[in-house]
């Protein structure tokens, strides 16, 4: 499935996919709403990062909830490490730039379909190196409601003392909960937990 709001780009990508043996284009959409209305389950969705009615990363995460076997690749003009990190944190399966060679786009679709994480030139070397071992935001599901409250405040930049005051807890209790949270998330530092929370959408309120 292709999701892109520019007709020329959508037409070009459609022609590229239809020309490739082993690939079949089952649906196209120009908005997030059209993508959500698709009833044919695709194996891979290629999404633009910016859509007229929504964010491609959020749409991709929602589509993966609808179709758990779906692989999602972001195709964008933005070479942005934070967008790459947010994509990976949302559980998406690839990030490519629109100026990638056609062969690279096709290879990325095939790789994503096999379950391989795809990172093109839109990601820096540091992000690519970290991606192999980075936990996904589905790890947030290991946290209970109190953990999420604490992590939300940490993502907002509050120090331990203010987190404790907001939640009517002792600072020592917060520190202990944070230590337990790191173990649940499988990360080694508070900064990594905060980055994971940001990728999962915490701290936006």
C-alpha atoms as a PDB file:
ATOM      1  CA  UNK A   1       0.000   0.000   0.000  1.00  0.00           C
ATOM      2  CA  UNK A   2       1.225   3.492  -0.876  1.00  0.00           C
ATOM      3  CA  UNK A   3       0.183   6.587   1.081  1.00  0.00           C
ATOM      4  CA  UNK A   4       1.266   9.938  -0.359  1.00  0.00           C
ATOM      5  CA  UNK A   5      -0.556  13.207  -0.954  1.00  0.00           C
ATOM      6  CA  UNK A   6       1.314  14.285  -4.119  1.00  0.00           C
ATOM      7  CA  UNK A   7      -0.296  12.729  -7.227  1.00  0.00           C
ATOM      8  CA  UNK A   8       2.908  12.727  -9.293  1.00  0.00           C
ATOM      9  CA  UNK A   9       4.928  11.005  -6.565  1.00  0.00           C
ATOM     10  CA  UNK A  10       2.116   8.537  -5.926  1.00  0.00           C
ATOM     11  CA  UNK A  11       1.850   7.769  -9.628  1.00  0.00           C
ATOM     12  CA  UNK A  12       5.608   7.288  -9.953  1.00  0.00           C
ATOM     13  CA  UNK A  13       5.822   4.987  -6.956  1.00  0.00           C
ATOM     14  CA  UNK A  14       2.812   3.023  -8.195  1.00  0.00           C
ATOM     15  CA  UNK A  15       4.443   2.483 -11.585  1.00  0.00           C
ATOM     16  CA  UNK A  16       7.712   1.472  -9.926  1.00  0.00           C
ATOM     17  CA  UNK A  17       6.049  -1.159  -7.740  1.00  0.00           C
ATOM     18  CA  UNK A  18       3.852  -2.514 -10.520  1.00  0.00           C
ATOM     19  CA  UNK A  19       6.953  -3.002 -12.682  1.00  0.00           C
ATOM     20  CA  UNK A  20       8.642  -5.199 -10.083  1.00  0.00           C
ATOM     21  CA  UNK A  21       8.211  -8.955 -10.195  1.00  0.00           C
ATOM     22  CA  UNK A  22       6.961 -10.293  -6.887  1.00  0.00           C
ATOM     23  CA  UNK A  23       5.261  -7.053  -5.811  1.00  0.00           C
ATOM     24  CA  UNK A  24       1.590  -6.197  -6.175  1.00  0.00           C
ATOM     25  CA  UNK A  25       0.074  -2.802  -5.424  1.00  0.00           C
ATOM     26  CA  UNK A  26      -3.147  -3.507  -3.524  1.00  0.00           C
ATOM     27  CA  UNK A  27      -4.100   0.023  -2.395  1.00  0.00           C
ATOM     28  CA  UNK A  28      -3.181   3.694  -2.616  1.00  0.00           C
ATOM     29  CA  UNK A  29      -4.255   6.609  -0.449  1.00  0.00           C
ATOM     30  CA  UNK A  30      -3.580  10.350  -0.412  1.00  0.00           C
ATOM     31  CA  UNK A  31      -4.624  11.020   3.182  1.00  0.00           C
ATOM     32  CA  UNK A  32      -4.483   9.288   6.541  1.00  0.00           C
ATOM     33  CA  UNK A  33      -8.273   8.966   6.472  1.00  0.00           C
ATOM     34  CA  UNK A  34      -8.167   7.170   3.104  1.00  0.00           C
ATOM     35  CA  UNK A  35      -5.439   4.851   4.413  1.00  0.00           C
ATOM     36  CA  UNK A  36      -7.497   3.986   7.483  1.00  0.00           C
ATOM     37  CA  UNK A  37     -10.440   3.144   5.226  1.00  0.00           C
ATOM     38  CA  UNK A  38      -8.493   0.540   3.235  1.00  0.00           C
ATOM     39  CA  UNK A  39      -9.968  -2.922   3.775  1.00  0.00           C
ATOM     40  CA  UNK A  40      -7.426  -5.040   1.870  1.00  0.00           C
ATOM     41  CA  UNK A  41      -4.618  -5.988   4.232  1.00  0.00           C
ATOM     42  CA  UNK A  42      -1.208  -5.240   2.667  1.00  0.00           C
ATOM     43  CA  UNK A  43       2.086  -6.864   3.616  1.00  0.00           C
ATOM     44  CA  UNK A  44       3.991  -3.560   3.407  1.00  0.00           C
ATOM     45  CA  UNK A  45       2.870   0.075   3.571  1.00  0.00           C
ATOM     46  CA  UNK A  46       5.064   2.914   2.276  1.00  0.00           C
ATOM     47  CA  UNK A  47       4.017   6.177   3.916  1.00  0.00           C
ATOM     48  CA  UNK A  48       4.916   9.827   3.499  1.00  0.00           C
ATOM     49  CA  UNK A  49       5.960  11.500   6.737  1.00  0.00           C
ATOM     50  CA  UNK A  50       3.727  14.541   6.282  1.00  0.00           C
ATOM     51  CA  UNK A  51       0.102  14.034   5.248  1.00  0.00           C
ATOM     52  CA  UNK A  52      -2.630  16.682   4.928  1.00  0.00           C
ATOM     53  CA  UNK A  53      -4.636  15.224   7.794  1.00  0.00           C
ATOM     54  CA  UNK A  54      -2.062  13.554   9.995  1.00  0.00           C
ATOM     55  CA  UNK A  55       1.425  12.374  10.790  1.00  0.00           C
ATOM     56  CA  UNK A  56       2.800   9.425   8.822  1.00  0.00           C
ATOM     57  CA  UNK A  57       4.504   7.889  11.844  1.00  0.00           C
ATOM     58  CA  UNK A  58       1.347   7.974  13.931  1.00  0.00           C
ATOM     59  CA  UNK A  59      -0.627   6.580  10.993  1.00  0.00           C
ATOM     60  CA  UNK A  60       1.893   3.772  10.545  1.00  0.00           C
ATOM     61  CA  UNK A  61       1.704   2.822  14.204  1.00  0.00           C
ATOM     62  CA  UNK A  62      -2.101   2.779  14.036  1.00  0.00           C
ATOM     63  CA  UNK A  63      -2.114   0.629  10.895  1.00  0.00           C
ATOM     64  CA  UNK A  64       0.214  -1.857  12.582  1.00  0.00           C
ATOM     65  CA  UNK A  65      -2.298  -2.152  15.417  1.00  0.00           C
ATOM     66  CA  UNK A  66      -5.009  -2.858  12.845  1.00  0.00           C
ATOM     67  CA  UNK A  67      -2.820  -5.329  10.922  1.00  0.00           C
ATOM     68  CA  UNK A  68      -0.207  -6.804  13.303  1.00  0.00           C
ATOM     69  CA  UNK A  69       1.723  -8.429  10.451  1.00  0.00           C
ATOM     70  CA  UNK A  70       2.077  -5.186   8.497  1.00  0.00           C
ATOM     71  CA  UNK A  71       5.541  -3.741   7.781  1.00  0.00           C
ATOM     72  CA  UNK A  72       5.708   0.050   7.476  1.00  0.00           C
ATOM     73  CA  UNK A  73       8.399   2.051   5.684  1.00  0.00           C
ATOM     74  CA  UNK A  74       8.518   5.861   5.864  1.00  0.00           C
ATOM     75  CA  UNK A  75       9.541   7.572   2.609  1.00  0.00           C
ATOM     76  CA  UNK A  76      10.267  11.261   3.121  1.00  0.00           C
ATOM     77  CA  UNK A  77      12.388  14.202   2.021  1.00  0.00           C
ATOM     78  CA  UNK A  78      13.456  14.912   5.614  1.00  0.00           C
ATOM     79  CA  UNK A  79      16.859  13.607   6.730  1.00  0.00           C
ATOM     80  CA  UNK A  80      16.095  13.977  10.419  1.00  0.00           C
ATOM     81  CA  UNK A  81      17.566  11.754  13.132  1.00  0.00           C
ATOM     82  CA  UNK A  82      14.744  12.607  15.524  1.00  0.00           C
ATOM     83  CA  UNK A  83      12.159  11.506  12.966  1.00  0.00           C
ATOM     84  CA  UNK A  84      14.104   8.287  12.443  1.00  0.00           C
ATOM     85  CA  UNK A  85      14.210   7.664  16.190  1.00  0.00           C
ATOM     86  CA  UNK A  86      10.495   8.430  16.494  1.00  0.00           C
ATOM     87  CA  UNK A  87       9.760   6.031  13.622  1.00  0.00           C
ATOM     88  CA  UNK A  88      11.721   3.221  15.223  1.00  0.00           C
ATOM     89  CA  UNK A  89      10.218   3.959  18.601  1.00  0.00           C
ATOM     90  CA  UNK A  90       6.738   3.709  17.108  1.00  0.00           C
ATOM     91  CA  UNK A  91       7.622   0.231  15.854  1.00  0.00           C
ATOM     92  CA  UNK A  92       7.920   1.117  12.162  1.00  0.00           C
ATOM     93  CA  UNK A  93      10.188  -0.924   9.949  1.00  0.00           C
ATOM     94  CA  UNK A  94      12.095   1.482   7.728  1.00  0.00           C
ATOM     95  CA  UNK A  95      13.049   5.065   6.897  1.00  0.00           C
ATOM     96  CA  UNK A  96      14.092   6.179   3.404  1.00  0.00           C
ATOM     97  CA  UNK A  97      14.633   9.481   1.649  1.00  0.00           C
ATOM     98  CA  UNK A  98      12.695  10.328  -1.499  1.00  0.00           C
ATOM     99  CA  UNK A  99      15.889  10.851  -3.471  1.00  0.00           C
ATOM    100  CA  UNK A 100      16.810   7.189  -2.973  1.00  0.00           C
ATOM    101  CA  UNK A 101      17.434   5.248  -6.169  1.00  0.00           C
ATOM    102  CA  UNK A 102      14.394   3.285  -7.404  1.00  0.00           C
ATOM    103  CA  UNK A 103      16.323   0.069  -6.871  1.00  0.00           C
ATOM    104  CA  UNK A 104      16.887   1.041  -3.236  1.00  0.00           C
ATOM    105  CA  UNK A 105      13.175   1.692  -2.709  1.00  0.00           C
ATOM    106  CA  UNK A 106      12.274  -1.703  -4.175  1.00  0.00           C
ATOM    107  CA  UNK A 107      14.982  -3.413  -2.123  1.00  0.00           C
ATOM    108  CA  UNK A 108      13.676  -1.704   1.011  1.00  0.00           C
ATOM    109  CA  UNK A 109      10.152  -2.987   0.358  1.00  0.00           C
ATOM    110  CA  UNK A 110      11.416  -6.537  -0.147  1.00  0.00           C
ATOM    111  CA  UNK A 111      13.595  -6.304   2.986  1.00  0.00           C
ATOM    112  CA  UNK A 112      10.766  -4.915   5.107  1.00  0.00           C
ATOM    113  CA  UNK A 113       8.489  -7.718   3.892  1.00  0.00           C
ATOM    114  CA  UNK A 114      11.072 -10.208   5.192  1.00  0.00           C
ATOM    115  CA  UNK A 115      11.092  -8.473   8.568  1.00  0.00           C
ATOM    116  CA  UNK A 116      14.425  -6.679   8.144  1.00  0.00           C
ATOM    117  CA  UNK A 117      14.808  -3.165   9.556  1.00  0.00           C
ATOM    118  CA  UNK A 118      15.524  -0.727   6.701  1.00  0.00           C
ATOM    119  CA  UNK A 119      17.450   2.518   7.272  1.00  0.00           C
ATOM    120  CA  UNK A 120      18.559   4.595   4.301  1.00  0.00           C
ATOM    121  CA  UNK A 121      20.596   7.776   4.105  1.00  0.00           C
ATOM    122  CA  UNK A 122      17.968   9.591   6.137  1.00  0.00           C
ATOM    123  CA  UNK A 123      19.605   8.246   9.281  1.00  0.00           C
ATOM    124  CA  UNK A 124      23.030   9.197  10.554  1.00  0.00           C
ATOM    125  CA  UNK A 125      25.656   6.572  11.257  1.00  0.00           C
ATOM    126  CA  UNK A 126      25.038   6.932  14.978  1.00  0.00           C
ATOM    127  CA  UNK A 127      21.329   6.239  14.620  1.00  0.00           C
ATOM    128  CA  UNK A 128      21.939   3.282  12.315  1.00  0.00           C
ATOM    129  CA  UNK A 129      24.468   1.829  14.752  1.00  0.00           C
ATOM    130  CA  UNK A 130      22.078   2.205  17.674  1.00  0.00           C
ATOM    131  CA  UNK A 131      19.048   0.832  15.839  1.00  0.00           C
ATOM    132  CA  UNK A 132      20.106  -2.805  16.010  1.00  0.00           C
ATOM    133  CA  UNK A 133      20.018  -2.835  19.804  1.00  0.00           C
ATOM    134  CA  UNK A 134      17.499  -0.090  20.493  1.00  0.00           C
ATOM    135  CA  UNK A 135      14.291  -1.192  22.216  1.00  0.00           C
ATOM    136  CA  UNK A 136      10.986  -0.346  20.566  1.00  0.00           C
ATOM    137  CA  UNK A 137       8.219   1.567  22.289  1.00  0.00           C
ATOM    138  CA  UNK A 138       6.225  -1.626  22.642  1.00  0.00           C
ATOM    139  CA  UNK A 139       8.521  -2.033  25.671  1.00  0.00           C
ATOM    140  CA  UNK A 140       6.395   0.704  27.262  1.00  0.00           C
ATOM    141  CA  UNK A 141       3.737  -1.954  27.612  1.00  0.00           C
ATOM    142  CA  UNK A 142       5.835  -3.432  30.419  1.00  0.00           C
ATOM    143  CA  UNK A 143       5.253  -0.301  32.509  1.00  0.00           C
ATOM    144  CA  UNK A 144       2.362   0.118  34.912  1.00  0.00           C
ATOM    145  CA  UNK A 145       0.287   3.282  35.266  1.00  0.00           C
ATOM    146  CA  UNK A 146       2.544   4.792  37.946  1.00  0.00           C
ATOM    147  CA  UNK A 147       5.658   4.103  35.861  1.00  0.00           C
ATOM    148  CA  UNK A 148       4.089   5.896  32.930  1.00  0.00           C
ATOM    149  CA  UNK A 149       3.169   8.872  35.099  1.00  0.00           C
ATOM    150  CA  UNK A 150       6.769   9.142  36.269  1.00  0.00           C
ATOM    151  CA  UNK A 151       8.198   8.727  32.778  1.00  0.00           C
ATOM    152  CA  UNK A 152       5.776  11.319  31.393  1.00  0.00           C
ATOM    153  CA  UNK A 153       7.101  13.887  33.867  1.00  0.00           C
ATOM    154  CA  UNK A 154      10.720  12.942  33.213  1.00  0.00           C
ATOM    155  CA  UNK A 155      10.153  13.400  29.483  1.00  0.00           C
ATOM    156  CA  UNK A 156       8.769  16.857  30.264  1.00  0.00           C
ATOM    157  CA  UNK A 157      12.119  17.660  31.883  1.00  0.00           C
ATOM    158  CA  UNK A 158      11.159  17.630  35.556  1.00  0.00           C
ATOM    159  CA  UNK A 159      13.854  16.665  38.090  1.00  0.00           C
ATOM    160  CA  UNK A 160      13.257  13.905  40.622  1.00  0.00           C
ATOM    161  CA  UNK A 161      12.219  16.327  43.361  1.00  0.00           C
ATOM    162  CA  UNK A 162       9.487  17.887  41.215  1.00  0.00           C
ATOM    163  CA  UNK A 163       8.281  14.514  39.950  1.00  0.00           C
ATOM    164  CA  UNK A 164       7.959  13.422  43.589  1.00  0.00           C
ATOM    165  CA  UNK A 165       6.047  16.578  44.509  1.00  0.00           C
ATOM    166  CA  UNK A 166       3.664  16.261  41.562  1.00  0.00           C
ATOM    167  CA  UNK A 167       2.836  12.651  42.383  1.00  0.00           C
ATOM    168  CA  UNK A 168       2.890  13.014  46.179  1.00  0.00           C
ATOM    169  CA  UNK A 169       5.750  10.536  46.517  1.00  0.00           C
ATOM    170  CA  UNK A 170       9.025  10.610  48.386  1.00  0.00           C
ATOM    171  CA  UNK A 171      12.059  11.393  46.166  1.00  0.00           C
ATOM    172  CA  UNK A 172      13.591   8.077  47.209  1.00  0.00           C
ATOM    173  CA  UNK A 173      10.467   6.267  46.022  1.00  0.00           C
ATOM    174  CA  UNK A 174      10.738   7.968  42.634  1.00  0.00           C
ATOM    175  CA  UNK A 175      14.410   7.030  42.335  1.00  0.00           C
ATOM    176  CA  UNK A 176      13.596   3.418  43.188  1.00  0.00           C
ATOM    177  CA  UNK A 177      10.738   3.351  40.686  1.00  0.00           C
ATOM    178  CA  UNK A 178      13.007   4.777  37.986  1.00  0.00           C
ATOM    179  CA  UNK A 179      15.600   2.058  38.636  1.00  0.00           C
ATOM    180  CA  UNK A 180      12.905  -0.594  38.327  1.00  0.00           C
ATOM    181  CA  UNK A 181      11.607   1.119  35.182  1.00  0.00           C
ATOM    182  CA  UNK A 182      15.024   0.945  33.496  1.00  0.00           C
ATOM    183  CA  UNK A 183      15.067  -2.810  34.066  1.00  0.00           C
ATOM    184  CA  UNK A 184      11.557  -3.192  32.638  1.00  0.00           C
ATOM    185  CA  UNK A 185      12.498  -1.177  29.550  1.00  0.00           C
ATOM    186  CA  UNK A 186      15.812  -2.929  29.088  1.00  0.00           C
ATOM    187  CA  UNK A 187      17.811   0.309  29.060  1.00  0.00           C
ATOM    188  CA  UNK A 188      20.838   1.385  31.072  1.00  0.00           C
ATOM    189  CA  UNK A 189      20.161   5.045  31.798  1.00  0.00           C
ATOM    190  CA  UNK A 190      17.454   7.557  32.554  1.00  0.00           C
ATOM    191  CA  UNK A 191      18.283   9.405  29.312  1.00  0.00           C
ATOM    192  CA  UNK A 192      17.607   6.251  27.286  1.00  0.00           C
ATOM    193  CA  UNK A 193      14.284   5.775  29.066  1.00  0.00           C
ATOM    194  CA  UNK A 194      13.361   9.392  28.337  1.00  0.00           C
ATOM    195  CA  UNK A 195      14.267   8.968  24.654  1.00  0.00           C
ATOM    196  CA  UNK A 196      12.112   5.861  24.510  1.00  0.00           C
ATOM    197  CA  UNK A 197       9.248   7.732  26.145  1.00  0.00           C
ATOM    198  CA  UNK A 198       9.601  10.582  23.644  1.00  0.00           C
ATOM    199  CA  UNK A 199       9.525   8.105  20.772  1.00  0.00           C
ATOM    200  CA  UNK A 200       6.370   6.626  22.257  1.00  0.00           C
ATOM    201  CA  UNK A 201       4.626   9.999  22.323  1.00  0.00           C
ATOM    202  CA  UNK A 202       4.996  10.904  25.998  1.00  0.00           C
ATOM    203  CA  UNK A 203       5.581  14.493  27.021  1.00  0.00           C
ATOM    204  CA  UNK A 204       3.453  16.067  24.300  1.00  0.00           C
ATOM    205  CA  UNK A 205       0.722  17.360  26.586  1.00  0.00           C
END
